[in-house]
Amino acid sequence: MKGSRDATIVRKMDSELSRFRLTIAYDGRPFAGWQSQPDGNTVQDHILAELRGICPSATGLQGSGRTDAGVSALGQVAHFDCPVDWKMDATAWRKALNTKLPPSIRIMDCEEVDSDFHARFSATGKIYEYRICTGEVLPPLDYGLVWHRRNLPIEEFSEAMSVFEGTHQFRAFSANRNDGKDEGRDTERTIFDISSTEAGDGYLTVSIHGDGFLYKMVRFLIGTGSYLALNRIDLETVEDWLRDPPETEKAPYCAPADGLSLFEVCYE
């Protein structure tokens, strides 16, 4: 009987709330990442503060996952709930939030969704992009938004990155969170596709589509790919780490946050 009563309460609560899905873009440089932190200077903190400034009873701002300090996004996704009788539709929420948020954070889209949608648990994968400048001089307007990796051999780098496609153990290509869960964390992930698009002026954009990513994993993949392209690490070593990762040893280079952005969160 208790279980039936609890289910009735949940349905009643759901019927009293509207759920909205946000698609968010931000320049990550001024912020300490997405995830809420005690100092409050994260993207999640800023959005939640403005949500509650508009509707004090808004709850549950949940992102699709974390982005690190300095990492940008074009397609981060989050959801929140507010009372049904709060008379604001999706368009009104988008306009109101963009009026209040700093210009480095923008709500690109807002839509009302079913109550069973969850920004994190409904996601089937993510696509990250990483931009690299291989020229001698980095234009100042790209500073902090592009990794300046002089004379990186683009063809060799693009070929090297293909070693990460497929299902592997990525423990050696991620950083520890030091949260007490590192030893037991599942580090198997599937990379569906890695593609590189070269611009004629020495720019390269790497797109990585996977079912999920570990802490700093994309940056370790990019850094390791650059080492492979420059013959600073053996391909056999990388393949061994993907198949049977060492317990504590990590890949030798993690590329900077410059150039990394969450491009899209994928859903059914």
Protein backbone atom coordinates (compact mmCIF):
# COMPACT_ATOMS: atom_id res chain seq x y z
CA MET A 1 0.00 0.00 0.00
CA LYS A 2 2.84 2.39 0.87
CA GLY A 3 4.41 1.98 -2.60
CA SER A 4 1.08 2.77 -4.25
CA ARG A 5 0.67 5.86 -2.07
CA ASP A 6 4.22 7.07 -2.92
CA ALA A 7 3.54 6.64 -6.65
CA THR A 8 0.35 8.68 -6.29
CA ILE A 9 2.28 11.46 -4.54
CA VAL A 10 4.94 11.50 -7.30
CA ARG A 11 2.28 11.70 -10.02
CA LYS A 12 0.59 14.55 -8.16
CA MET A 13 3.89 16.41 -7.81
CA ASP A 14 4.67 15.88 -11.51
CA SER A 15 1.24 17.22 -12.46
CA GLU A 16 1.94 20.41 -10.48
CA LEU A 17 5.30 21.10 -12.18
CA SER A 18 6.36 22.07 -15.67
CA ARG A 19 9.77 20.94 -16.91
CA PHE A 20 11.83 23.04 -19.30
CA ARG A 21 14.88 22.04 -21.30
CA LEU A 22 17.56 24.66 -21.89
CA THR A 23 20.21 24.65 -24.61
CA ILE A 24 23.06 26.80 -23.33
CA ALA A 25 26.15 28.36 -24.89
CA TYR A 26 28.92 29.97 -22.88
CA ASP A 27 32.46 31.24 -23.05
CA GLY A 28 34.04 29.15 -20.31
CA ARG A 29 37.04 31.38 -19.65
CA PRO A 30 35.55 33.54 -16.85
CA PHE A 31 33.99 30.62 -14.98
CA ALA A 32 35.10 27.76 -12.74
CA GLY A 33 33.37 25.20 -14.97
CA TRP A 34 29.71 24.19 -15.16
CA GLN A 35 29.22 22.41 -11.83
CA SER A 36 28.10 24.45 -8.83
CA GLN A 37 30.95 25.43 -6.48
CA PRO A 38 31.11 27.15 -3.06
CA ASP A 39 32.39 30.42 -4.54
CA GLY A 40 29.41 30.57 -6.89
CA ASN A 41 31.36 31.46 -10.03
CA THR A 42 30.16 28.62 -12.23
CA VAL A 43 27.76 28.58 -15.16
CA GLN A 44 25.26 26.50 -13.19
CA ASP A 45 25.41 28.91 -10.24
CA HIS A 46 24.75 31.94 -12.45
CA ILE A 47 21.78 30.36 -14.22
CA LEU A 48 20.26 28.99 -11.03
CA ALA A 49 20.52 32.37 -9.32
CA GLU A 50 18.66 34.06 -12.18
CA LEU A 51 16.07 31.28 -12.36
CA ARG A 52 15.23 31.75 -8.69
CA GLY A 53 15.31 35.51 -9.08
CA ILE A 54 12.53 35.17 -11.64
CA CYS A 55 10.67 32.30 -9.95
CA PRO A 56 11.74 31.59 -6.34
CA SER A 57 10.17 28.12 -6.46
CA ALA A 58 12.10 26.99 -9.57
CA THR A 59 14.02 23.83 -8.71
CA GLY A 60 16.31 21.14 -10.01
CA LEU A 61 18.62 22.83 -12.50
CA GLN A 62 20.42 19.73 -13.77
CA GLY A 63 23.04 19.76 -16.53
CA SER A 64 23.93 16.97 -18.92
CA GLY A 65 27.35 16.78 -17.26
CA ARG A 66 30.30 18.86 -16.15
CA THR A 67 32.59 20.99 -18.22
CA ASP A 68 35.91 21.98 -16.67
CA ALA A 69 37.12 25.46 -15.82
CA GLY A 70 37.91 27.33 -19.03
CA VAL A 71 35.97 24.93 -21.28
CA SER A 72 33.26 26.51 -23.41
CA ALA A 73 29.99 25.16 -24.76
CA LEU A 74 27.81 25.66 -27.79
CA GLY A 75 25.23 23.03 -26.85
CA GLN A 76 25.18 22.31 -23.13
CA VAL A 77 21.76 21.04 -22.03
CA ALA A 78 20.04 21.44 -18.68
CA HIS A 79 16.53 21.16 -17.30
CA PHE A 80 14.59 22.74 -14.46
CA ASP A 81 11.10 22.58 -12.97
CA CYS A 82 8.69 25.33 -11.98
CA PRO A 83 5.06 25.34 -10.83
CA VAL A 84 2.48 24.83 -13.56
CA ASP A 85 0.62 27.95 -12.48
CA TRP A 86 3.71 30.11 -13.08
CA LYS A 87 2.55 31.78 -16.28
CA MET A 88 5.73 31.77 -18.37
CA ASP A 89 6.14 29.77 -21.54
CA ALA A 90 9.46 28.58 -22.99
CA THR A 91 10.00 31.71 -25.10
CA ALA A 92 9.39 33.97 -22.10
CA TRP A 93 11.92 31.98 -20.03
CA ARG A 94 14.58 32.28 -22.73
CA LYS A 95 14.10 36.02 -23.07
CA ALA A 96 13.98 36.63 -19.32
CA LEU A 97 17.12 34.63 -18.58
CA ASN A 98 19.12 36.22 -21.40
CA THR A 99 18.16 39.66 -20.08
CA LYS A 100 19.64 38.85 -16.67
CA LEU A 101 22.60 36.54 -17.40
CA PRO A 102 26.09 37.88 -18.16
CA PRO A 103 26.72 38.18 -21.92
CA SER A 104 29.20 35.26 -21.80
CA ILE A 105 26.26 32.92 -21.00
CA ARG A 106 23.33 32.63 -23.39
CA ILE A 107 20.19 30.49 -23.47
CA MET A 108 20.06 29.51 -27.13
CA ASP A 109 16.80 27.60 -26.87
CA CYS A 110 14.16 26.71 -24.29
CA GLU A 111 11.35 24.20 -24.69
CA GLU A 112 8.83 22.57 -22.41
CA VAL A 113 9.38 18.80 -22.17
CA ASP A 114 7.81 15.77 -20.52
CA SER A 115 8.50 15.25 -16.83
CA ASP A 116 10.52 12.09 -17.55
CA PHE A 117 13.12 14.00 -19.58
CA HIS A 118 16.44 14.29 -17.75
CA ALA A 119 19.32 16.32 -19.16
CA ARG A 120 21.90 13.81 -17.92
CA PHE A 121 20.21 10.41 -17.82
CA SER A 122 18.27 10.79 -21.08
CA ALA A 123 21.45 11.62 -23.02
CA THR A 124 22.83 8.97 -25.40
CA GLY A 125 26.14 10.69 -26.14
CA LYS A 126 28.05 13.93 -26.53
CA ILE A 127 30.06 15.64 -29.22
CA TYR A 128 33.06 17.75 -28.25
CA GLU A 129 35.05 19.99 -30.57
CA TYR A 130 38.65 21.01 -30.14
CA ARG A 131 40.23 23.82 -32.19
CA ILE A 132 43.96 23.96 -32.91
CA CYS A 133 46.09 26.58 -34.63
CA THR A 134 49.27 25.16 -36.13
CA GLY A 135 50.63 28.41 -37.54
CA GLU A 136 53.61 30.37 -36.26
CA VAL A 137 51.47 33.20 -34.87
CA LEU A 138 48.17 32.94 -33.01
CA PRO A 139 45.84 35.87 -33.80
CA PRO A 140 45.06 37.68 -30.53
CA LEU A 141 41.29 37.35 -30.95
CA ASP A 142 41.73 33.57 -30.74
CA TYR A 143 43.73 33.71 -27.52
CA GLY A 144 42.16 31.41 -24.93
CA LEU A 145 39.77 29.90 -27.49
CA VAL A 146 42.26 27.95 -29.61
CA TRP A 147 45.21 25.75 -28.66
CA HIS A 148 48.30 27.18 -30.32
CA ARG A 149 50.34 24.10 -31.28
CA ARG A 150 52.97 25.30 -33.70
CA ASN A 151 53.98 23.03 -36.59
CA LEU A 152 51.78 20.11 -35.56
CA PRO A 153 51.73 17.75 -38.57
CA ILE A 154 48.02 17.77 -39.30
CA GLU A 155 47.84 14.64 -41.47
CA GLU A 156 49.79 12.54 -38.96
CA PHE A 157 47.75 13.95 -36.07
CA SER A 158 44.42 13.16 -37.74
CA GLU A 159 45.57 9.61 -38.47
CA ALA A 160 46.84 9.14 -34.91
CA MET A 161 43.50 10.17 -33.38
CA SER A 162 41.75 7.22 -35.04
CA VAL A 163 43.38 4.85 -32.51
CA PHE A 164 40.84 6.05 -29.93
CA GLU A 165 37.76 5.06 -31.93
CA GLY A 166 35.82 2.08 -30.58
CA THR A 167 35.22 0.75 -27.08
CA HIS A 168 38.24 0.94 -24.78
CA GLN A 169 39.38 1.43 -21.22
CA PHE A 170 40.25 5.12 -20.90
CA ARG A 171 41.63 5.18 -17.35
CA ALA A 172 45.08 6.29 -18.54
CA PHE A 173 43.47 9.08 -20.58
CA SER A 174 41.61 10.80 -17.76
CA ALA A 175 42.46 12.69 -14.59
CA ASN A 176 41.58 11.56 -11.09
CA ARG A 177 38.90 13.55 -9.32
CA ASN A 178 40.29 12.60 -5.90
CA ASP A 179 36.75 12.14 -4.66
CA GLY A 180 37.29 8.71 -3.12
CA LYS A 181 35.74 6.97 -6.13
CA ASP A 182 38.66 6.90 -8.59
CA GLU A 183 39.67 3.29 -7.95
CA GLY A 184 36.18 1.91 -8.50
CA ARG A 185 35.10 4.19 -11.33
CA ASP A 186 34.05 2.52 -14.59
CA THR A 187 36.44 3.82 -17.25
CA GLU A 188 35.09 1.98 -20.30
CA ARG A 189 33.72 4.32 -22.94
CA THR A 190 32.86 4.08 -26.63
CA ILE A 191 34.09 6.66 -29.13
CA PHE A 192 31.80 6.46 -32.15
CA ASP A 193 33.70 8.80 -34.43
CA ILE A 194 36.63 11.21 -34.55
CA SER A 195 36.89 13.55 -37.52
CA SER A 196 39.18 16.46 -38.35
CA THR A 197 38.35 19.45 -40.52
CA GLU A 198 41.24 21.57 -41.74
CA ALA A 199 40.98 25.22 -42.70
CA GLY A 200 43.44 26.57 -45.21
CA ASP A 201 44.96 29.06 -42.78
CA GLY A 202 46.47 26.48 -40.42
CA TYR A 203 43.40 25.80 -38.29
CA LEU A 204 42.14 22.36 -37.40
CA THR A 205 38.85 21.43 -35.72
CA VAL A 206 38.65 17.95 -34.19
CA SER A 207 35.18 16.54 -33.51
CA ILE A 208 34.88 13.64 -31.03
CA HIS A 209 31.55 11.82 -30.63
CA GLY A 210 31.26 9.35 -27.76
CA ASP A 211 28.74 7.78 -25.42
CA GLY A 212 30.35 9.59 -22.48
CA PHE A 213 33.60 11.14 -21.34
CA LEU A 214 35.73 10.92 -18.21
CA TYR A 215 37.29 13.89 -16.40
CA LYS A 216 39.62 15.72 -18.84
CA MET A 217 39.41 12.74 -21.22
CA VAL A 218 39.07 14.77 -24.43
CA ARG A 219 42.08 16.87 -23.50
CA PHE A 220 44.16 13.75 -22.82
CA LEU A 221 43.13 12.28 -26.20
CA ILE A 222 44.14 15.47 -28.01
CA GLY A 223 47.42 15.70 -26.11
CA THR A 224 48.27 12.05 -26.75
CA GLY A 225 47.35 12.41 -30.43
CA SER A 226 49.82 15.29 -30.71
CA TYR A 227 52.54 13.17 -29.07
CA LEU A 228 51.86 10.34 -31.52
CA ALA A 229 52.01 12.72 -34.47
CA LEU A 230 55.37 14.05 -33.25
CA ASN A 231 56.74 10.53 -32.51
CA ARG A 232 57.08 11.34 -28.82
CA ILE A 233 55.18 8.22 -27.76
CA ASP A 234 54.85 4.77 -29.35
CA LEU A 235 51.55 3.65 -30.87
CA GLU A 236 52.00 0.25 -29.19
CA THR A 237 52.12 1.92 -25.77
CA VAL A 238 48.88 3.79 -26.43
CA GLU A 239 47.18 0.60 -27.65
CA ASP A 240 48.35 -1.25 -24.54
CA TRP A 241 46.92 1.47 -22.29
CA LEU A 242 43.58 1.31 -24.10
CA ARG A 243 43.42 -2.46 -23.72
CA ASP A 244 44.90 -2.93 -20.24
CA PRO A 245 45.43 0.44 -18.54
CA PRO A 246 48.00 0.77 -15.76
CA GLU A 247 46.63 1.33 -12.28
CA THR A 248 48.24 4.71 -11.65
CA GLU A 249 50.21 5.77 -14.75
CA LYS A 250 48.60 8.39 -16.97
CA ALA A 251 49.16 9.48 -20.55
CA PRO A 252 52.03 11.98 -20.66
CA TYR A 253 50.20 15.08 -21.88
CA CYS A 254 46.84 16.75 -21.27
CA ALA A 255 46.07 19.49 -23.79
CA PRO A 256 44.92 22.84 -22.36
CA ALA A 257 41.28 23.85 -21.99
CA ASP A 258 41.85 26.43 -24.73
CA GLY A 259 40.00 25.30 -27.83
CA LEU A 260 37.68 22.78 -26.14
CA SER A 261 33.91 23.18 -26.32
CA LEU A 262 30.91 20.97 -25.73
CA PHE A 263 29.30 21.09 -29.15
CA GLU A 264 26.20 18.94 -28.71
CA VAL A 265 24.46 16.62 -26.28
CA CYS A 266 22.71 13.77 -28.12
CA TYR A 267 19.26 12.39 -27.26
CA GLU A 268 16.93 9.87 -28.79
